[in-house]
C-alpha atoms as a PDB file:
ATOM      1  CA  MET A   1     -13.241  26.607  -5.527  1.00  0.00           C
ATOM      2  CA  THR A   2     -13.367  27.394  -9.583  1.00  0.00           C
ATOM      3  CA  ALA A   3     -11.960  26.026 -12.140  1.00  0.00           C
ATOM      4  CA  ALA A   4      -9.929  28.292 -12.916  1.00  0.00           C
ATOM      5  CA  ILE A   5      -7.925  28.121  -9.576  1.00  0.00           C
ATOM      6  CA  GLU A   6      -8.603  24.741  -9.232  1.00  0.00           C
ATOM      7  CA  GLN A   7      -5.909  24.542 -13.127  1.00  0.00           C
ATOM      8  CA  TRP A   8      -3.401  26.809 -10.664  1.00  0.00           C
ATOM      9  CA  GLN A   9      -3.449  24.882  -7.938  1.00  0.00           C
ATOM     10  CA  ARG A  10      -2.666  21.607 -10.132  1.00  0.00           C
ATOM     11  CA  ALA A  11      -0.175  23.067 -11.242  1.00  0.00           C
ATOM     12  CA  GLN A  12       1.300  24.616  -8.159  1.00  0.00           C
ATOM     13  CA  ASP A  13       1.339  21.602  -6.728  1.00  0.00           C
ATOM     14  CA  ALA A  14       2.766  19.801  -9.749  1.00  0.00           C
ATOM     15  CA  ALA A  15       6.019  22.451  -9.333  1.00  0.00           C
ATOM     16  CA  PHE A  16       5.880  21.789  -5.398  1.00  0.00           C
ATOM     17  CA  GLY A  17       6.339  18.395  -5.402  1.00  0.00           C
ATOM     18  CA  THR A  18       2.697  18.036  -3.558  1.00  0.00           C
ATOM     19  CA  ARG A  19       1.891  14.802  -4.794  1.00  0.00           C
ATOM     20  CA  GLY A  20       4.600  13.648  -6.486  1.00  0.00           C
ATOM     21  CA  PRO A  21       7.540  10.965  -5.981  1.00  0.00           C
ATOM     22  CA  ARG A  22      10.239  11.358  -3.832  1.00  0.00           C
ATOM     23  CA  VAL A  23      12.994  13.155  -5.020  1.00  0.00           C
ATOM     24  CA  ASP A  24      15.790  11.386  -3.546  1.00  0.00           C
ATOM     25  CA  THR A  25      18.965  11.956  -5.277  1.00  0.00           C
ATOM     26  CA  PRO A  26      21.594  14.605  -5.033  1.00  0.00           C
ATOM     27  CA  ALA A  27      21.215  15.695  -8.818  1.00  0.00           C
ATOM     28  CA  GLY A  28      17.256  15.133  -8.327  1.00  0.00           C
ATOM     29  CA  ALA A  29      17.557  17.932  -5.131  1.00  0.00           C
ATOM     30  CA  GLU A  30      19.392  20.722  -7.088  1.00  0.00           C
ATOM     31  CA  ARG A  31      16.890  20.130 -10.022  1.00  0.00           C
ATOM     32  CA  PHE A  32      13.819  20.322  -7.524  1.00  0.00           C
ATOM     33  CA  LEU A  33      15.595  23.245  -6.191  1.00  0.00           C
ATOM     34  CA  GLU A  34      16.194  24.581  -8.902  1.00  0.00           C
ATOM     35  CA  ARG A  35      12.570  24.588 -10.660  1.00  0.00           C
ATOM     36  CA  ALA A  36      10.805  25.523  -7.001  1.00  0.00           C
ATOM     37  CA  GLY A  37      13.717  28.339  -6.352  1.00  0.00           C
ATOM     38  CA  ILE A  38      12.079  28.979  -2.890  1.00  0.00           C
ATOM     39  CA  VAL A  39      11.521  26.459   0.005  1.00  0.00           C
ATOM     40  CA  LEU A  40      10.504  25.679   3.115  1.00  0.00           C
ATOM     41  CA  ARG A  41      13.712  23.893   5.087  1.00  0.00           C
ATOM     42  CA  TYR A  42      10.809  22.050   6.927  1.00  0.00           C
ATOM     43  CA  ASN A  43       8.010  21.084   7.285  1.00  0.00           C
ATOM     44  CA  ALA A  44       5.077  22.325   5.033  1.00  0.00           C
ATOM     45  CA  SER A  45       2.332  24.695   6.518  1.00  0.00           C
ATOM     46  CA  PRO A  46      -1.751  24.574   5.595  1.00  0.00           C
ATOM     47  CA  GLY A  47      -2.233  27.936   3.892  1.00  0.00           C
ATOM     48  CA  LEU A  48       1.035  28.816   3.029  1.00  0.00           C
ATOM     49  CA  PRO A  49       2.860  28.114  -0.885  1.00  0.00           C
ATOM     50  CA  LEU A  50       5.952  26.899  -0.057  1.00  0.00           C
ATOM     51  CA  PRO A  51       7.224  23.768  -1.357  1.00  0.00           C
ATOM     52  CA  SER A  52       8.665  21.553   1.769  1.00  0.00           C
ATOM     53  CA  LEU A  53      11.858  20.316   1.355  1.00  0.00           C
ATOM     54  CA  GLN A  54      11.042  17.381   4.065  1.00  0.00           C
ATOM     55  CA  ARG A  55       7.821  16.751   2.445  1.00  0.00           C
ATOM     56  CA  VAL A  56       9.571  16.194  -1.138  1.00  0.00           C
ATOM     57  CA  PHE A  57      12.867  14.684  -0.272  1.00  0.00           C
ATOM     58  CA  ALA A  58      11.115  12.526   3.391  1.00  0.00           C
ATOM     59  CA  GLY A  59       7.358  12.053   2.513  1.00  0.00           C
ATOM     60  CA  ASP A  60       4.800  14.218   5.792  1.00  0.00           C
ATOM     61  CA  ASP A  61       6.032  11.311   7.634  1.00  0.00           C
ATOM     62  CA  PRO A  62       8.864   9.908   7.736  1.00  0.00           C
ATOM     63  CA  ASP A  63      10.516   6.720   9.193  1.00  0.00           C
ATOM     64  CA  PRO A  64      14.077   7.307  10.225  1.00  0.00           C
ATOM     65  CA  PRO A  65      16.050   6.553   7.326  1.00  0.00           C
ATOM     66  CA  ALA A  66      13.932   8.931   5.036  1.00  0.00           C
ATOM     67  CA  ALA A  67      14.392  11.686   7.894  1.00  0.00           C
ATOM     68  CA  THR A  68      17.972  11.214   7.669  1.00  0.00           C
ATOM     69  CA  ARG A  69      18.004  10.897   3.811  1.00  0.00           C
ATOM     70  CA  ALA A  70      16.614  14.302   3.934  1.00  0.00           C
ATOM     71  CA  ILE A  71      19.244  15.746   6.503  1.00  0.00           C
ATOM     72  CA  GLU A  72      21.347  14.360   3.505  1.00  0.00           C
ATOM     73  CA  LEU A  73      19.833  15.908   0.432  1.00  0.00           C
ATOM     74  CA  THR A  74      19.183  19.317   2.185  1.00  0.00           C
ATOM     75  CA  ASN A  75      22.820  19.462   3.489  1.00  0.00           C
ATOM     76  CA  HIS A  76      24.193  18.700   0.284  1.00  0.00           C
ATOM     77  CA  LEU A  77      22.522  21.521  -1.319  1.00  0.00           C
ATOM     78  CA  LEU A  78      24.578  23.577   1.249  1.00  0.00           C
ATOM     79  CA  GLY A  79      27.293  22.363   0.654  1.00  0.00           C
ATOM     80  CA  THR A  80      26.948  22.864  -2.803  1.00  0.00           C
ATOM     81  CA  ARG A  81      25.547  26.474  -2.283  1.00  0.00           C
ATOM     82  CA  THR A  82      23.239  25.768  -4.445  1.00  0.00           C
ATOM     83  CA  GLY A  83      20.908  26.641  -1.682  1.00  0.00           C
ATOM     84  CA  ILE A  84      21.245  29.359   0.432  1.00  0.00           C
ATOM     85  CA  GLU A  85      19.507  29.307   4.225  1.00  0.00           C
ATOM     86  CA  VAL A  86      17.100  32.247   4.852  1.00  0.00           C
ATOM     87  CA  HIS A  87      15.362  33.349   7.996  1.00  0.00           C
ATOM     88  CA  VAL A  88      13.201  36.288   6.286  1.00  0.00           C
ATOM     89  CA  ILE A  89      10.433  33.866   4.135  1.00  0.00           C
ATOM     90  CA  ALA A  90       6.679  34.047   6.016  1.00  0.00           C
ATOM     91  CA  GLY A  91       8.796  34.006   9.173  1.00  0.00           C
ATOM     92  CA  ARG A  92      10.073  29.922   8.291  1.00  0.00           C
ATOM     93  CA  VAL A  93      13.454  28.327   8.345  1.00  0.00           C
ATOM     94  CA  GLY A  94      13.806  28.380   4.458  1.00  0.00           C
ATOM     95  CA  VAL A  95      16.260  27.315   1.454  1.00  0.00           C
ATOM     96  CA  ALA A  96      16.669  29.719  -1.168  1.00  0.00           C
ATOM     97  CA  HIS A  97      18.172  28.758  -4.382  1.00  0.00           C
ATOM     98  CA  ARG A  98      21.746  30.728  -5.058  1.00  0.00           C
ATOM     99  CA  ARG A  99      20.250  32.028  -8.118  1.00  0.00           C
ATOM    100  CA  ILE A 100      17.829  33.894  -6.372  1.00  0.00           C
ATOM    101  CA  MET A 101      19.569  35.269  -4.004  1.00  0.00           C
ATOM    102  CA  PRO A 102      21.572  38.634  -5.308  1.00  0.00           C
ATOM    103  CA  ALA A 103      17.587  39.850  -5.826  1.00  0.00           C
ATOM    104  CA  LEU A 104      17.017  38.945  -2.072  1.00  0.00           C
ATOM    105  CA  TYR A 105      20.535  39.744  -0.218  1.00  0.00           C
ATOM    106  CA  ALA A 106      19.532  43.545  -2.618  1.00  0.00           C
ATOM    107  CA  LEU A 107      16.103  43.570  -0.598  1.00  0.00           C
ATOM    108  CA  VAL A 108      17.112  42.856   2.641  1.00  0.00           C
ATOM    109  CA  ARG A 109      20.121  44.508   2.581  1.00  0.00           C
ATOM    110  CA  ARG A 110      18.957  48.026   1.589  1.00  0.00           C
ATOM    111  CA  GLY A 111      22.313  49.011   0.562  1.00  0.00           C
ATOM    112  CA  ARG A 112      23.329  49.119   4.293  1.00  0.00           C
ATOM    113  CA  ALA A 113      26.619  48.589   5.478  1.00  0.00           C
ATOM    114  CA  LEU A 114      28.595  45.811   7.080  1.00  0.00           C
ATOM    115  CA  ASP A 115      29.557  47.216  10.003  1.00  0.00           C
ATOM    116  CA  ALA A 116      26.194  49.048  10.814  1.00  0.00           C
ATOM    117  CA  VAL A 117      24.432  47.163  13.253  1.00  0.00           C
ATOM    118  CA  GLU A 118      21.884  49.738  14.298  1.00  0.00           C
ATOM    119  CA  GLY A 119      18.400  47.658  15.463  1.00  0.00           C
ATOM    120  CA  LEU A 120      20.586  44.984  16.262  1.00  0.00           C
ATOM    121  CA  SER A 121      20.341  43.543  20.213  1.00  0.00           C
ATOM    122  CA  LEU A 122      23.415  43.725  22.692  1.00  0.00           C
ATOM    123  CA  GLN A 123      23.806  39.672  21.983  1.00  0.00           C
ATOM    124  CA  ALA A 124      23.527  39.807  18.400  1.00  0.00           C
ATOM    125  CA  ARG A 125      26.196  42.569  18.074  1.00  0.00           C
ATOM    126  CA  THR A 126      28.320  40.179  20.660  1.00  0.00           C
ATOM    127  CA  ALA A 127      27.362  37.335  18.325  1.00  0.00           C
ATOM    128  CA  LEU A 128      28.690  39.600  15.381  1.00  0.00           C
ATOM    129  CA  ALA A 129      32.333  40.317  16.971  1.00  0.00           C
ATOM    130  CA  LEU A 130      32.570  37.332  17.610  1.00  0.00           C
ATOM    131  CA  LEU A 131      32.212  36.060  14.061  1.00  0.00           C
ATOM    132  CA  ARG A 132      34.378  38.191  12.582  1.00  0.00           C
ATOM    133  CA  GLN A 133      36.665  37.525  15.518  1.00  0.00           C
ATOM    134  CA  ARG A 134      36.680  33.648  14.417  1.00  0.00           C
ATOM    135  CA  LYS A 135      35.187  33.029  10.915  1.00  0.00           C
ATOM    136  CA  ALA A 136      33.209  30.133  12.058  1.00  0.00           C
ATOM    137  CA  VAL A 137      31.175  29.170  15.120  1.00  0.00           C
ATOM    138  CA  SER A 138      28.819  26.892  17.122  1.00  0.00           C
ATOM    139  CA  ALA A 139      26.033  28.429  18.813  1.00  0.00           C
ATOM    140  CA  GLY A 140      27.549  26.893  21.796  1.00  0.00           C
ATOM    141  CA  ASP A 141      30.585  29.240  21.282  1.00  0.00           C
ATOM    142  CA  VAL A 142      27.928  31.764  21.673  1.00  0.00           C
ATOM    143  CA  ARG A 143      25.658  31.034  24.666  1.00  0.00           C
ATOM    144  CA  GLN A 144      29.916  30.309  26.260  1.00  0.00           C
ATOM    145  CA  ARG A 145      30.900  34.083  24.738  1.00  0.00           C
ATOM    146  CA  LEU A 146      27.416  35.399  26.152  1.00  0.00           C
ATOM    147  CA  SER A 147      27.688  33.991  29.576  1.00  0.00           C
ATOM    148  CA  LEU A 148      24.616  32.626  29.261  1.00  0.00           C
ATOM    149  CA  ARG A 149      23.262  28.819  29.988  1.00  0.00           C
ATOM    150  CA  PRO A 150      20.681  27.529  27.735  1.00  0.00           C
ATOM    151  CA  ASP A 151      17.034  28.064  28.112  1.00  0.00           C
ATOM    152  CA  PRO A 152      14.755  25.572  26.355  1.00  0.00           C
ATOM    153  CA  ARG A 153      12.612  28.135  26.154  1.00  0.00           C
ATOM    154  CA  HIS A 154      14.279  30.958  25.353  1.00  0.00           C
ATOM    155  CA  ASP A 155      18.342  30.110  23.967  1.00  0.00           C
ATOM    156  CA  PRO A 156      19.367  33.757  23.706  1.00  0.00           C
ATOM    157  CA  ALA A 157      22.324  31.938  21.390  1.00  0.00           C
ATOM    158  CA  TYR A 158      20.279  30.900  18.510  1.00  0.00           C
ATOM    159  CA  ALA A 159      18.076  33.974  18.629  1.00  0.00           C
ATOM    160  CA  ALA A 160      20.946  36.338  18.019  1.00  0.00           C
ATOM    161  CA  LEU A 161      22.418  34.050  15.392  1.00  0.00           C
ATOM    162  CA  GLY A 162      19.151  34.474  14.741  1.00  0.00           C
ATOM    163  CA  GLU A 163      18.235  38.207  14.581  1.00  0.00           C
ATOM    164  CA  LEU A 164      21.423  37.858  12.483  1.00  0.00           C
ATOM    165  CA  MET A 165      20.466  36.165   9.694  1.00  0.00           C
ATOM    166  CA  ARG A 166      17.509  37.733   9.490  1.00  0.00           C
ATOM    167  CA  VAL A 167      19.529  40.679   7.982  1.00  0.00           C
ATOM    168  CA  LEU A 168      21.766  38.157   5.945  1.00  0.00           C
ATOM    169  CA  LEU A 169      24.759  39.398   8.338  1.00  0.00           C
ATOM    170  CA  VAL A 170      25.133  35.776   8.787  1.00  0.00           C
ATOM    171  CA  ASP A 171      25.358  31.899   7.141  1.00  0.00           C
ATOM    172  CA  ARG A 172      24.432  29.584   8.112  1.00  0.00           C
ATOM    173  CA  GLY A 173      26.096  26.280   6.444  1.00  0.00           C
ATOM    174  CA  PRO A 174      25.761  22.492   6.623  1.00  0.00           C
ATOM    175  CA  PHE A 175      26.850  20.217   9.500  1.00  0.00           C
ATOM    176  CA  GLU A 176      28.255  16.603   9.925  1.00  0.00           C
ATOM    177  CA  ILE A 177      25.989  14.047  10.382  1.00  0.00           C
ATOM    178  CA  PRO A 178      26.676  11.880  13.511  1.00  0.00           C
ATOM    179  CA  LYS A 179      26.624   8.284  12.787  1.00  0.00           C
ATOM    180  CA  THR A 180      25.206   7.950  15.465  1.00  0.00           C
ATOM    181  CA  GLY A 181      22.125   9.188  17.094  1.00  0.00           C
ATOM    182  CA  ILE A 182      19.831  11.999  16.467  1.00  0.00           C
ATOM    183  CA  ALA A 183      20.114  12.871  12.388  1.00  0.00           C
ATOM    184  CA  TYR A 184      19.885  16.497  13.109  1.00  0.00           C
ATOM    185  CA  LEU A 185      21.762  17.364  16.638  1.00  0.00           C
ATOM    186  CA  PRO A 186      25.734  17.280  15.916  1.00  0.00           C
ATOM    187  CA  LYS A 187      27.993  16.946  18.313  1.00  0.00           C
ATOM    188  CA  ALA A 188      29.769  20.588  16.904  1.00  0.00           C
ATOM    189  CA  GLY A 189      26.533  22.179  16.346  1.00  0.00           C
ATOM    190  CA  TYR A 190      25.814  24.492  13.140  1.00  0.00           C
ATOM    191  CA  PRO A 191      28.482  25.810  11.519  1.00  0.00           C
ATOM    192  CA  TYR A 192      27.879  29.931  11.036  1.00  0.00           C
ATOM    193  CA  HIS A 193      29.974  32.249   9.010  1.00  0.00           C
ATOM    194  CA  LEU A 194      29.971  35.634   8.085  1.00  0.00           C
ATOM    195  CA  PHE A 195      27.391  35.916   4.545  1.00  0.00           C
ATOM    196  CA  HIS A 196      29.547  38.505   2.941  1.00  0.00           C
ATOM    197  CA  GLU A 197      32.782  36.057   3.233  1.00  0.00           C
ATOM    198  CA  ALA A 198      30.403  32.260   2.738  1.00  0.00           C
ATOM    199  CA  HIS A 199      28.469  34.229  -0.324  1.00  0.00           C
ATOM    200  CA  ALA A 200      30.698  36.688  -2.175  1.00  0.00           C
ATOM    201  CA  ASP A 201      30.213  36.330  -5.175  1.00  0.00           C
ATOM    202  CA  LEU A 202      26.296  36.525  -4.793  1.00  0.00           C
ATOM    203  CA  VAL A 203      26.777  39.823  -2.843  1.00  0.00           C
ATOM    204  CA  ALA A 204      29.087  41.113  -5.890  1.00  0.00           C
ATOM    205  CA  ALA A 205      25.906  40.260  -8.006  1.00  0.00           C
ATOM    206  CA  SER A 206      23.138  41.850  -6.082  1.00  0.00           C
ATOM    207  CA  LYS A 207      25.335  45.416  -6.415  1.00  0.00           C
ATOM    208  CA  ASN A 208      24.138  45.220  -9.274  1.00  0.00           C
ATOM    209  CA  LEU A 209      20.010  45.446  -8.984  1.00  0.00           C
ATOM    210  CA  SER A 210      17.966  48.553  -7.807  1.00  0.00           C
ATOM    211  CA  ILE A 211      15.593  47.948  -5.573  1.00  0.00           C
ATOM    212  CA  GLU A 212      12.731  48.516  -8.288  1.00  0.00           C
ATOM    213  CA  SER A 213      14.814  45.412 -10.373  1.00  0.00           C
ATOM    214  CA  ALA A 214      15.548  43.537  -7.478  1.00  0.00           C
ATOM    215  CA  THR A 215      11.452  43.171  -6.390  1.00  0.00           C
ATOM    216  CA  ASP A 216      10.585  42.611 -10.509  1.00  0.00           C
ATOM    217  CA  ALA A 217      13.240  39.162 -10.654  1.00  0.00           C
ATOM    218  CA  PHE A 218      12.376  37.462  -6.472  1.00  0.00           C
ATOM    219  CA  LEU A 219       8.665  37.987  -7.292  1.00  0.00           C
ATOM    220  CA  SER A 220       8.825  36.324 -11.003  1.00  0.00           C
ATOM    221  CA  ALA A 221      11.043  33.651  -9.240  1.00  0.00           C
ATOM    222  CA  TYR A 222       8.530  32.858  -7.172  1.00  0.00           C
ATOM    223  CA  LEU A 223       5.131  33.179  -9.069  1.00  0.00           C
ATOM    224  CA  ALA A 224       7.198  30.724 -11.930  1.00  0.00           C
ATOM    225  CA  ALA A 225       6.988  28.406  -9.518  1.00  0.00           C
ATOM    226  CA  ALA A 226       3.718  28.754  -7.459  1.00  0.00           C
ATOM    227  CA  ALA A 227       1.627  29.546 -10.890  1.00  0.00           C
ATOM    228  CA  PHE A 228      -0.401  32.087  -9.050  1.00  0.00           C
ATOM    229  CA  GLY A 229      -0.297  34.494  -6.301  1.00  0.00           C
ATOM    230  CA  ARG A 230      -2.722  37.172  -4.874  1.00  0.00           C
ATOM    231  CA  ALA A 231      -1.027  40.403  -3.578  1.00  0.00           C
ATOM    232  CA  PRO A 232      -1.983  39.860   0.149  1.00  0.00           C
ATOM    233  CA  LYS A 233      -0.178  37.215   0.331  1.00  0.00           C
ATOM    234  CA  LEU A 234       2.602  38.130  -1.447  1.00  0.00           C
ATOM    235  CA  ALA A 235       2.538  41.131   1.292  1.00  0.00           C
ATOM    236  CA  THR A 236       2.867  38.983   4.217  1.00  0.00           C
ATOM    237  CA  MET A 237       4.740  35.983   2.973  1.00  0.00           C
ATOM    238  CA  PHE A 238       7.585  39.179   2.479  1.00  0.00           C
ATOM    239  CA  ARG A 239       6.682  41.165   4.768  1.00  0.00           C
ATOM    240  CA  LEU A 240      10.729  41.528   6.275  1.00  0.00           C
ATOM    241  CA  PHE A 241      11.795  42.136   3.511  1.00  0.00           C
ATOM    242  CA  LEU A 242       9.217  43.896   0.752  1.00  0.00           C
ATOM    243  CA  SER A 243       6.316  46.402   1.473  1.00  0.00           C
ATOM    244  CA  ARG A 244       2.347  46.169  -0.437  1.00  0.00           C
ATOM    245  CA  THR A 245       2.900  49.389  -2.508  1.00  0.00           C
ATOM    246  CA  GLU A 246       6.629  47.571  -3.460  1.00  0.00           C
ATOM    247  CA  ILE A 247       4.695  44.872  -4.363  1.00  0.00           C
ATOM    248  CA  ASP A 248       1.939  46.165  -6.194  1.00  0.00           C
ATOM    249  CA  LEU A 249       3.909  48.086  -8.205  1.00  0.00           C
ATOM    250  CA  SER A 250       6.022  44.872  -9.221  1.00  0.00           C
ATOM    251  CA  LEU A 251       3.450  43.290 -10.212  1.00  0.00           C
ATOM    252  CA  GLU A 252       1.957  45.172 -12.582  1.00  0.00           C
ATOM    253  CA  ARG A 253       5.152  46.584 -13.938  1.00  0.00           C
ATOM    254  CA  LEU A 254       5.051  41.936 -14.827  1.00  0.00           C
ATOM    255  CA  VAL A 255       2.024  42.540 -16.349  1.00  0.00           C
ATOM    256  CA  GLU A 256       3.178  45.415 -18.664  1.00  0.00           C
ATOM    257  CA  ARG A 257       5.400  42.671 -19.544  1.00  0.00           C
ATOM    258  CA  ARG A 258       3.245  39.578 -19.889  1.00  0.00           C
ATOM    259  CA  CYS A 259       4.599  37.812 -17.504  1.00  0.00           C
ATOM    260  CA  LEU A 260       1.783  37.540 -15.549  1.00  0.00           C
ATOM    261  CA  LYS A 261      -1.824  38.691 -15.994  1.00  0.00           C
ATOM    262  CA  VAL A 262      -4.831  39.517 -13.812  1.00  0.00           C
ATOM    263  CA  GLU A 263      -8.110  37.198 -13.343  1.00  0.00           C
ATOM    264  CA  THR A 264     -10.834  38.058 -10.841  1.00  0.00           C
ATOM    265  CA  VAL A 265     -12.868  35.190  -8.781  1.00  0.00           C
ATOM    266  CA  GLY A 266     -14.751  36.895  -7.247  1.00  0.00           C
ATOM    267  CA  SER A 267     -13.822  40.448  -5.709  1.00  0.00           C
ATOM    268  CA  ALA A 268     -10.506  38.714  -5.516  1.00  0.00           C
ATOM    269  CA  ALA A 269      -8.052  39.131  -7.520  1.00  0.00           C
ATOM    270  CA  TYR A 270      -5.273  36.865  -8.553  1.00  0.00           C
ATOM    271  CA  HIS A 271      -1.854  37.179 -10.419  1.00  0.00           C
ATOM    272  CA  VAL A 272      -1.481  34.191 -12.570  1.00  0.00           C
ATOM    273  CA  TRP A 273       2.492  32.997 -14.272  1.00  0.00           C
ATOM    274  CA  THR A 274       2.402  33.640 -18.586  1.00  0.00           C
ATOM    275  CA  GLY A 275       5.389  32.401 -19.071  1.00  0.00           C
ATOM    276  CA  ALA A 276       4.779  34.806 -22.269  1.00  0.00           C
ATOM    277  CA  GLY A 277       6.279  38.447 -22.464  1.00  0.00           C
ATOM    278  CA  ARG A 278       9.573  39.441 -21.515  1.00  0.00           C
ATOM    279  CA  VAL A 279      10.827  37.911 -18.342  1.00  0.00           C
ATOM    280  CA  PRO A 280      13.711  40.556 -16.134  1.00  0.00           C
ATOM    281  CA  PRO A 281      16.571  38.954 -17.311  1.00  0.00           C
ATOM    282  CA  ARG A 282      18.557  36.812 -14.176  1.00  0.00           C
ATOM    283  CA  SER A 283      20.619  38.170 -11.531  1.00  0.00           C
ATOM    284  CA  HIS A 284      23.365  35.548 -11.703  1.00  0.00           C
ATOM    285  CA  ARG A 285      23.648  32.605 -12.855  1.00  0.00           C
END
C-alpha cells in the first residue's frame, strides 16, 4: 500500500469509527450517522468500505449488554427519523441519514408511481395490499395473509417485505425491545409501514431532484465520509440503483467542481475527496 493510500485509509477509518471509542449516547449516535451518512446496520465486512453501527455502538465482539445498547441506539435513530433503514446498499441491511434519503429515493424509484407493481412477486403484491389496508403490519401478519408457514431457510413473509423495501415502497421502523429474552426478537415483531406515508417530507423533497443531481448528491455524500473511492467498487456497492455510466459521469462532474481529485496509483484510478470547490447542494435538511 502506498503512502497516499495509507493516508486516505486513515481518514476513512477515522470517519467510519473503525478504531475509535464506542459511541454510547443517543446524541453521539446522531452525530456519527450525520458524519458517516450511509452505514451498515449490522456487522462490517472486509473489503466493503462502509461503517457498521454494531461495531461503533458495541464493538466487534459485544457482550449481551453492549449488544442490547447497540439495538437501543439504532432504534433511537429510526425512531427520531434521523436514520432510515435501507436494503439497497451492497446487498446488505443499511441505515441512511435523512439528508441523503431524498437523493436515494429519487434514484431507486426513478419516477415510478406508487401503485406501479410491475416486477413485484405475487407475495410482495399481497404484502403491499395488506399494508395499504392496515397501514402497519409485522412479518407475522404477512405470513398469516399468505397462509404460509415460516421456513427457517426461507421465510416468505420476510422475502416479500424485503422485496418491497428494495424498491422503497415499505419502511421498517423501530421496535419495542423486550424486557426479557432476546433483545432483537420483539414479541410483536418489527413494524413495517408504507414508505411514502412514514417519510412524506423526504418523498416530497425527492421530487425536486433530477437523476443527475440526485446521483451527484448521493455520491458526494458517500465520498465526503469515505475520503476516497474507486469507480468499480462504487458500481458494485450501488448497482441496485446506479449504472456504471451514471457513476462515471457523476464522478467527472464532481472532479470538474473540484469536490474530487483523481489520483493514479499503479494502474488504478482513485477519486479522492478534497472538500474544496462547489459541493452539490444538499437535497434535504
